Amino acid sequence: MQLGLTDFEEYFSVPRGRVLWSPTKKTSIVYHGNTTTPERLQKIADEFSLADWESRTDIHYMMGDAIGDLFDA
């Protein structure tokens, strides 16, 4: 309910990801799914006060038809 979902929506209906620090690259990495827009990525970077960051898609955060790839692997 906190995410604005109905009782009939599944876990995979919720966009998600993670933000990690890469000590070797000395930069932050925002891992996300296929539906994350560049504008949303910028909001995430702003929220975490990230000055130097990059984004990468991660199969674990995919949504829609791309979810099947996770289970077919």
PDB file of N, CA and C in Angstrom:
ATOM      1  N   MET A   1       0.810  -1.196   0.000  1.00  0.00           N
ATOM      2  CA  MET A   1       0.000   0.000   0.000  1.00  0.00           C
ATOM      3  C   MET A   1       0.857   1.267   0.000  1.00  0.00           C
ATOM      4  N   GLN A   2       2.011   1.220   0.645  1.00  0.00           N
ATOM      5  CA  GLN A   2       2.888   2.394   0.680  1.00  0.00           C
ATOM      6  C   GLN A   2       3.380   2.774  -0.708  1.00  0.00           C
ATOM      7  N   LEU A   3       3.424   1.820  -1.613  1.00  0.00           N
ATOM      8  CA  LEU A   3       3.929   2.072  -2.952  1.00  0.00           C
ATOM      9  C   LEU A   3       2.812   2.412  -3.942  1.00  0.00           C
ATOM     10  N   GLY A   4       1.589   2.497  -3.453  1.00  0.00           N
ATOM     11  CA  GLY A   4       0.470   2.843  -4.309  1.00  0.00           C
ATOM     12  C   GLY A   4      -0.003   1.702  -5.196  1.00  0.00           C
ATOM     13  N   LEU A   5       0.282   0.471  -4.805  1.00  0.00           N
ATOM     14  CA  LEU A   5      -0.123  -0.684  -5.588  1.00  0.00           C
ATOM     15  C   LEU A   5      -1.473  -1.211  -5.124  1.00  0.00           C
ATOM     16  N   THR A   6      -2.145  -1.907  -6.014  1.00  0.00           N
ATOM     17  CA  THR A   6      -3.390  -2.561  -5.635  1.00  0.00           C
ATOM     18  C   THR A   6      -3.063  -3.924  -5.032  1.00  0.00           C
ATOM     19  N   ASP A   7      -4.070  -4.591  -4.495  1.00  0.00           N
ATOM     20  CA  ASP A   7      -3.882  -5.923  -3.928  1.00  0.00           C
ATOM     21  C   ASP A   7      -3.517  -6.960  -4.987  1.00  0.00           C
ATOM     22  N   PHE A   8      -3.714  -6.622  -6.258  1.00  0.00           N
ATOM     23  CA  PHE A   8      -3.506  -7.584  -7.334  1.00  0.00           C
ATOM     24  C   PHE A   8      -2.170  -7.419  -8.052  1.00  0.00           C
ATOM     25  N   GLU A   9      -1.389  -6.425  -7.672  1.00  0.00           N
ATOM     26  CA  GLU A   9      -0.103  -6.210  -8.325  1.00  0.00           C
ATOM     27  C   GLU A   9       0.984  -7.016  -7.628  1.00  0.00           C
ATOM     28  N   GLU A  10       1.961  -7.414  -8.401  1.00  0.00           N
ATOM     29  CA  GLU A  10       3.035  -8.277  -7.923  1.00  0.00           C
ATOM     30  C   GLU A  10       4.291  -7.491  -7.565  1.00  0.00           C
ATOM     31  N   TYR A  11       5.224  -8.165  -6.939  1.00  0.00           N
ATOM     32  CA  TYR A  11       6.527  -7.608  -6.569  1.00  0.00           C
ATOM     33  C   TYR A  11       7.220  -6.987  -7.768  1.00  0.00           C
ATOM     34  N   PHE A  12       7.119  -7.648  -8.918  1.00  0.00           N
ATOM     35  CA  PHE A  12       7.817  -7.178 -10.108  1.00  0.00           C
ATOM     36  C   PHE A  12       7.173  -5.929 -10.710  1.00  0.00           C
ATOM     37  N   SER A  13       6.100  -5.434 -10.125  1.00  0.00           N
ATOM     38  CA  SER A  13       5.477  -4.193 -10.573  1.00  0.00           C
ATOM     39  C   SER A  13       6.149  -2.972  -9.962  1.00  0.00           C
ATOM     40  N   VAL A  14       7.045  -3.196  -9.016  1.00  0.00           N
ATOM     41  CA  VAL A  14       7.682  -2.100  -8.284  1.00  0.00           C
ATOM     42  C   VAL A  14       9.092  -1.862  -8.822  1.00  0.00           C
ATOM     43  N   PRO A  15       9.338  -0.689  -9.417  1.00  0.00           N
ATOM     44  CA  PRO A  15      10.718  -0.396  -9.854  1.00  0.00           C
ATOM     45  C   PRO A  15      11.652  -0.355  -8.651  1.00  0.00           C
ATOM     46  N   ARG A  16      12.852  -0.844  -8.830  1.00  0.00           N
ATOM     47  CA  ARG A  16      13.803  -0.873  -7.717  1.00  0.00           C
ATOM     48  C   ARG A  16      15.226  -0.877  -8.254  1.00  0.00           C
ATOM     49  N   GLY A  17      16.185  -0.769  -7.367  1.00  0.00           N
ATOM     50  CA  GLY A  17      17.587  -0.757  -7.747  1.00  0.00           C
ATOM     51  C   GLY A  17      18.440  -0.567  -6.515  1.00  0.00           C
ATOM     52  N   ARG A  18      19.691  -0.187  -6.739  1.00  0.00           N
ATOM     53  CA  ARG A  18      20.585   0.050  -5.607  1.00  0.00           C
ATOM     54  C   ARG A  18      21.674   1.021  -6.032  1.00  0.00           C
ATOM     55  N   VAL A  19      22.282   1.652  -5.056  1.00  0.00           N
ATOM     56  CA  VAL A  19      23.388   2.576  -5.299  1.00  0.00           C
ATOM     57  C   VAL A  19      24.585   2.062  -4.513  1.00  0.00           C
ATOM     58  N   LEU A  20      25.700   1.875  -5.212  1.00  0.00           N
ATOM     59  CA  LEU A  20      26.911   1.368  -4.577  1.00  0.00           C
ATOM     60  C   LEU A  20      28.087   2.287  -4.870  1.00  0.00           C
ATOM     61  N   TRP A  21      29.065   2.255  -4.000  1.00  0.00           N
ATOM     62  CA  TRP A  21      30.311   2.992  -4.198  1.00  0.00           C
ATOM     63  C   TRP A  21      31.350   2.018  -4.723  1.00  0.00           C
ATOM     64  N   SER A  22      32.032   2.386  -5.804  1.00  0.00           N
ATOM     65  CA  SER A  22      33.106   1.568  -6.356  1.00  0.00           C
ATOM     66  C   SER A  22      34.438   2.154  -5.906  1.00  0.00           C
ATOM     67  N   PRO A  23      35.117   1.522  -4.939  1.00  0.00           N
ATOM     68  CA  PRO A  23      36.386   2.068  -4.454  1.00  0.00           C
ATOM     69  C   PRO A  23      37.486   2.040  -5.519  1.00  0.00           C
ATOM     70  N   THR A  24      37.422   1.086  -6.446  1.00  0.00           N
ATOM     71  CA  THR A  24      38.457   1.032  -7.484  1.00  0.00           C
ATOM     72  C   THR A  24      38.289   2.156  -8.502  1.00  0.00           C
ATOM     73  N   LYS A  25      37.041   2.461  -8.857  1.00  0.00           N
ATOM     74  CA  LYS A  25      36.784   3.540  -9.812  1.00  0.00           C
ATOM     75  C   LYS A  25      36.605   4.894  -9.132  1.00  0.00           C
ATOM     76  N   LYS A  26      36.418   4.858  -7.811  1.00  0.00           N
ATOM     77  CA  LYS A  26      36.163   6.074  -7.030  1.00  0.00           C
ATOM     78  C   LYS A  26      34.946   6.834  -7.570  1.00  0.00           C
ATOM     79  N   THR A  27      33.891   6.081  -7.816  1.00  0.00           N
ATOM     80  CA  THR A  27      32.644   6.647  -8.313  1.00  0.00           C
ATOM     81  C   THR A  27      31.473   5.820  -7.784  1.00  0.00           C
ATOM     82  N   SER A  28      30.297   6.388  -7.830  1.00  0.00           N
ATOM     83  CA  SER A  28      29.093   5.660  -7.435  1.00  0.00           C
ATOM     84  C   SER A  28      28.473   5.015  -8.663  1.00  0.00           C
ATOM     85  N   ILE A  29      27.829   3.878  -8.449  1.00  0.00           N
ATOM     86  CA  ILE A  29      27.151   3.170  -9.526  1.00  0.00           C
ATOM     87  C   ILE A  29      25.698   2.984  -9.120  1.00  0.00           C
ATOM     88  N   VAL A  30      24.792   3.437  -9.972  1.00  0.00           N
ATOM     89  CA  VAL A  30      23.357   3.274  -9.745  1.00  0.00           C
ATOM     90  C   VAL A  30      22.907   2.102 -10.611  1.00  0.00           C
ATOM     91  N   TYR A  31      22.573   0.982  -9.969  1.00  0.00           N
ATOM     92  CA  TYR A  31      22.058  -0.186 -10.681  1.00  0.00           C
ATOM     93  C   TYR A  31      20.546  -0.061 -10.740  1.00  0.00           C
ATOM     94  N   HIS A  32      19.975  -0.333 -11.917  1.00  0.00           N
ATOM     95  CA  HIS A  32      18.541  -0.121 -12.096  1.00  0.00           C
ATOM     96  C   HIS A  32      17.994  -1.056 -13.159  1.00  0.00           C
ATOM     97  N   GLY A  33      16.691  -1.002 -13.349  1.00  0.00           N
ATOM     98  CA  GLY A  33      16.027  -1.832 -14.349  1.00  0.00           C
ATOM     99  C   GLY A  33      15.802  -1.100 -15.659  1.00  0.00           C
ATOM    100  N   ASN A  34      15.094  -1.766 -16.543  1.00  0.00           N
ATOM    101  CA  ASN A  34      14.886  -1.269 -17.896  1.00  0.00           C
ATOM    102  C   ASN A  34      13.882  -0.127 -18.003  1.00  0.00           C
ATOM    103  N   THR A  35      13.142   0.169 -16.963  1.00  0.00           N
ATOM    104  CA  THR A  35      12.135   1.230 -17.050  1.00  0.00           C
ATOM    105  C   THR A  35      12.574   2.524 -16.374  1.00  0.00           C
ATOM    106  N   THR A  36      13.775   2.572 -15.859  1.00  0.00           N
ATOM    107  CA  THR A  36      14.259   3.770 -15.171  1.00  0.00           C
ATOM    108  C   THR A  36      14.674   4.815 -16.199  1.00  0.00           C
ATOM    109  N   THR A  37      14.052   5.969 -16.125  1.00  0.00           N
ATOM    110  CA  THR A  37      14.340   7.040 -17.080  1.00  0.00           C
ATOM    111  C   THR A  37      15.590   7.816 -16.670  1.00  0.00           C
ATOM    112  N   PRO A  38      16.211   8.511 -17.612  1.00  0.00           N
ATOM    113  CA  PRO A  38      17.353   9.362 -17.255  1.00  0.00           C
ATOM    114  C   PRO A  38      16.980  10.417 -16.204  1.00  0.00           C
ATOM    115  N   GLU A  39      15.765  10.917 -16.281  1.00  0.00           N
ATOM    116  CA  GLU A  39      15.318  11.904 -15.289  1.00  0.00           C
ATOM    117  C   GLU A  39      15.249  11.291 -13.896  1.00  0.00           C
ATOM    118  N   ARG A  40      14.770  10.059 -13.810  1.00  0.00           N
ATOM    119  CA  ARG A  40      14.694   9.364 -12.516  1.00  0.00           C
ATOM    120  C   ARG A  40      16.101   9.076 -11.990  1.00  0.00           C
ATOM    121  N   LEU A  41      17.004   8.690 -12.875  1.00  0.00           N
ATOM    122  CA  LEU A  41      18.392   8.450 -12.457  1.00  0.00           C
ATOM    123  C   LEU A  41      19.006   9.719 -11.881  1.00  0.00           C
ATOM    124  N   GLN A  42      18.728  10.856 -12.500  1.00  0.00           N
ATOM    125  CA  GLN A  42      19.254  12.122 -11.992  1.00  0.00           C
ATOM    126  C   GLN A  42      18.670  12.441 -10.620  1.00  0.00           C
ATOM    127  N   LYS A  43      17.371  12.137 -10.422  1.00  0.00           N
ATOM    128  CA  LYS A  43      16.750  12.362  -9.109  1.00  0.00           C
ATOM    129  C   LYS A  43      17.404  11.488  -8.045  1.00  0.00           C
ATOM    130  N   ILE A  44      17.728  10.256  -8.408  1.00  0.00           N
ATOM    131  CA  ILE A  44      18.408   9.348  -7.473  1.00  0.00           C
ATOM    132  C   ILE A  44      19.780   9.911  -7.117  1.00  0.00           C
ATOM    133  N   ALA A  45      20.515  10.344  -8.125  1.00  0.00           N
ATOM    134  CA  ALA A  45      21.844  10.924  -7.889  1.00  0.00           C
ATOM    135  C   ALA A  45      21.746  12.157  -6.999  1.00  0.00           C
ATOM    136  N   ASP A  46      20.749  12.980  -7.236  1.00  0.00           N
ATOM    137  CA  ASP A  46      20.548  14.177  -6.410  1.00  0.00           C
ATOM    138  C   ASP A  46      20.206  13.799  -4.970  1.00  0.00           C
ATOM    139  N   GLU A  47      19.339  12.805  -4.811  1.00  0.00           N
ATOM    140  CA  GLU A  47      18.919  12.381  -3.463  1.00  0.00           C
ATOM    141  C   GLU A  47      20.102  11.853  -2.646  1.00  0.00           C
ATOM    142  N   PHE A  48      21.015  11.160  -3.303  1.00  0.00           N
ATOM    143  CA  PHE A  48      22.187  10.603  -2.625  1.00  0.00           C
ATOM    144  C   PHE A  48      23.389  11.545  -2.671  1.00  0.00           C
ATOM    145  N   SER A  49      23.195  12.741  -3.214  1.00  0.00           N
ATOM    146  CA  SER A  49      24.272  13.743  -3.340  1.00  0.00           C
ATOM    147  C   SER A  49      25.494  13.172  -4.069  1.00  0.00           C
ATOM    148  N   LEU A  50      25.226  12.487  -5.181  1.00  0.00           N
ATOM    149  CA  LEU A  50      26.296  11.882  -5.953  1.00  0.00           C
ATOM    150  C   LEU A  50      26.856  12.903  -6.937  1.00  0.00           C
ATOM    151  N   ALA A  51      28.142  13.181  -6.815  1.00  0.00           N
ATOM    152  CA  ALA A  51      28.783  14.119  -7.735  1.00  0.00           C
ATOM    153  C   ALA A  51      29.301  13.386  -8.970  1.00  0.00           C
ATOM    154  N   ASP A  52      29.906  12.229  -8.764  1.00  0.00           N
ATOM    155  CA  ASP A  52      30.480  11.441  -9.844  1.00  0.00           C
ATOM    156  C   ASP A  52      29.826  10.072  -9.812  1.00  0.00           C
ATOM    157  N   TRP A  53      29.030   9.752 -10.841  1.00  0.00           N
ATOM    158  CA  TRP A  53      28.288   8.493 -10.837  1.00  0.00           C
ATOM    159  C   TRP A  53      28.045   8.002 -12.259  1.00  0.00           C
ATOM    160  N   GLU A  54      27.714   6.727 -12.339  1.00  0.00           N
ATOM    161  CA  GLU A  54      27.326   6.119 -13.606  1.00  0.00           C
ATOM    162  C   GLU A  54      26.152   5.194 -13.335  1.00  0.00           C
ATOM    163  N   SER A  55      25.431   4.830 -14.372  1.00  0.00           N
ATOM    164  CA  SER A  55      24.297   3.928 -14.194  1.00  0.00           C
ATOM    165  C   SER A  55      24.506   2.663 -15.014  1.00  0.00           C
ATOM    166  N   ARG A  56      23.971   1.573 -14.499  1.00  0.00           N
ATOM    167  CA  ARG A  56      24.045   0.282 -15.181  1.00  0.00           C
ATOM    168  C   ARG A  56      22.734  -0.460 -14.972  1.00  0.00           C
ATOM    169  N   THR A  57      22.250  -1.094 -16.023  1.00  0.00           N
ATOM    170  CA  THR A  57      21.067  -1.929 -15.842  1.00  0.00           C
ATOM    171  C   THR A  57      21.505  -3.254 -15.224  1.00  0.00           C
ATOM    172  N   ASP A  58      20.602  -3.827 -14.463  1.00  0.00           N
ATOM    173  CA  ASP A  58      20.851  -5.086 -13.775  1.00  0.00           C
ATOM    174  C   ASP A  58      19.629  -5.973 -13.992  1.00  0.00           C
ATOM    175  N   ILE A  59      19.854  -7.193 -14.433  1.00  0.00           N
ATOM    176  CA  ILE A  59      18.759  -8.106 -14.757  1.00  0.00           C
ATOM    177  C   ILE A  59      17.802  -8.316 -13.577  1.00  0.00           C
ATOM    178  N   HIS A  60      18.294  -8.201 -12.360  1.00  0.00           N
ATOM    179  CA  HIS A  60      17.461  -8.415 -11.180  1.00  0.00           C
ATOM    180  C   HIS A  60      16.420  -7.314 -10.974  1.00  0.00           C
ATOM    181  N   TYR A  61      16.570  -6.201 -11.667  1.00  0.00           N
ATOM    182  CA  TYR A  61      15.654  -5.073 -11.503  1.00  0.00           C
ATOM    183  C   TYR A  61      14.802  -4.820 -12.741  1.00  0.00           C
ATOM    184  N   MET A  62      14.784  -5.773 -13.671  1.00  0.00           N
ATOM    185  CA  MET A  62      14.010  -5.611 -14.894  1.00  0.00           C
ATOM    186  C   MET A  62      12.519  -5.713 -14.618  1.00  0.00           C
ATOM    187  N   MET A  63      11.757  -5.105 -15.513  1.00  0.00           N
ATOM    188  CA  MET A  63      10.298  -5.114 -15.381  1.00  0.00           C
ATOM    189  C   MET A  63       9.675  -5.499 -16.699  1.00  0.00           C
ATOM    190  N   GLY A  64       8.383  -5.825 -16.656  1.00  0.00           N
ATOM    191  CA  GLY A  64       7.656  -6.168 -17.870  1.00  0.00           C
ATOM    192  C   GLY A  64       8.132  -7.472 -18.464  1.00  0.00           C
ATOM    193  N   ASP A  65       8.160  -7.536 -19.793  1.00  0.00           N
ATOM    194  CA  ASP A  65       8.551  -8.766 -20.498  1.00  0.00           C
ATOM    195  C   ASP A  65       9.996  -9.160 -20.233  1.00  0.00           C
ATOM    196  N   ALA A  66      10.834  -8.224 -19.845  1.00  0.00           N
ATOM    197  CA  ALA A  66      12.249  -8.513 -19.591  1.00  0.00           C
ATOM    198  C   ALA A  66      12.447  -9.392 -18.370  1.00  0.00           C
ATOM    199  N   ILE A  67      11.441  -9.524 -17.522  1.00  0.00           N
ATOM    200  CA  ILE A  67      11.555 -10.366 -16.320  1.00  0.00           C
ATOM    201  C   ILE A  67      11.838 -11.819 -16.698  1.00  0.00           C
ATOM    202  N   GLY A  68      11.275 -12.267 -17.816  1.00  0.00           N
ATOM    203  CA  GLY A  68      11.479 -13.641 -18.244  1.00  0.00           C
ATOM    204  C   GLY A  68      12.935 -13.995 -18.423  1.00  0.00           C
ATOM    205  N   ASP A  69      13.766 -13.034 -18.803  1.00  0.00           N
ATOM    206  CA  ASP A  69      15.189 -13.293 -18.974  1.00  0.00           C
ATOM    207  C   ASP A  69      15.839 -13.750 -17.679  1.00  0.00           C
ATOM    208  N   LEU A  70      15.364 -13.218 -16.560  1.00  0.00           N
ATOM    209  CA  LEU A  70      15.931 -13.600 -15.261  1.00  0.00           C
ATOM    210  C   LEU A  70      15.668 -15.087 -14.986  1.00  0.00           C
ATOM    211  N   PHE A  71      14.479 -15.556 -15.330  1.00  0.00           N
ATOM    212  CA  PHE A  71      14.111 -16.923 -15.020  1.00  0.00           C
ATOM    213  C   PHE A  71      14.555 -17.915 -16.106  1.00  0.00           C
ATOM    214  N   ASP A  72      14.852 -17.397 -17.305  1.00  0.00           N
ATOM    215  CA  ASP A  72      15.331 -18.258 -18.381  1.00  0.00           C
ATOM    216  C   ASP A  72      16.827 -18.496 -18.324  1.00  0.00           C
ATOM    217  N   ALA A  73      17.528 -17.690 -17.519  1.00  0.00           N
ATOM    218  CA  ALA A  73      18.994 -17.789 -17.467  1.00  0.00           C
ATOM    219  C   ALA A  73      19.443 -19.057 -16.787  1.00  0.00           C
TER     220      ALA A  73
END
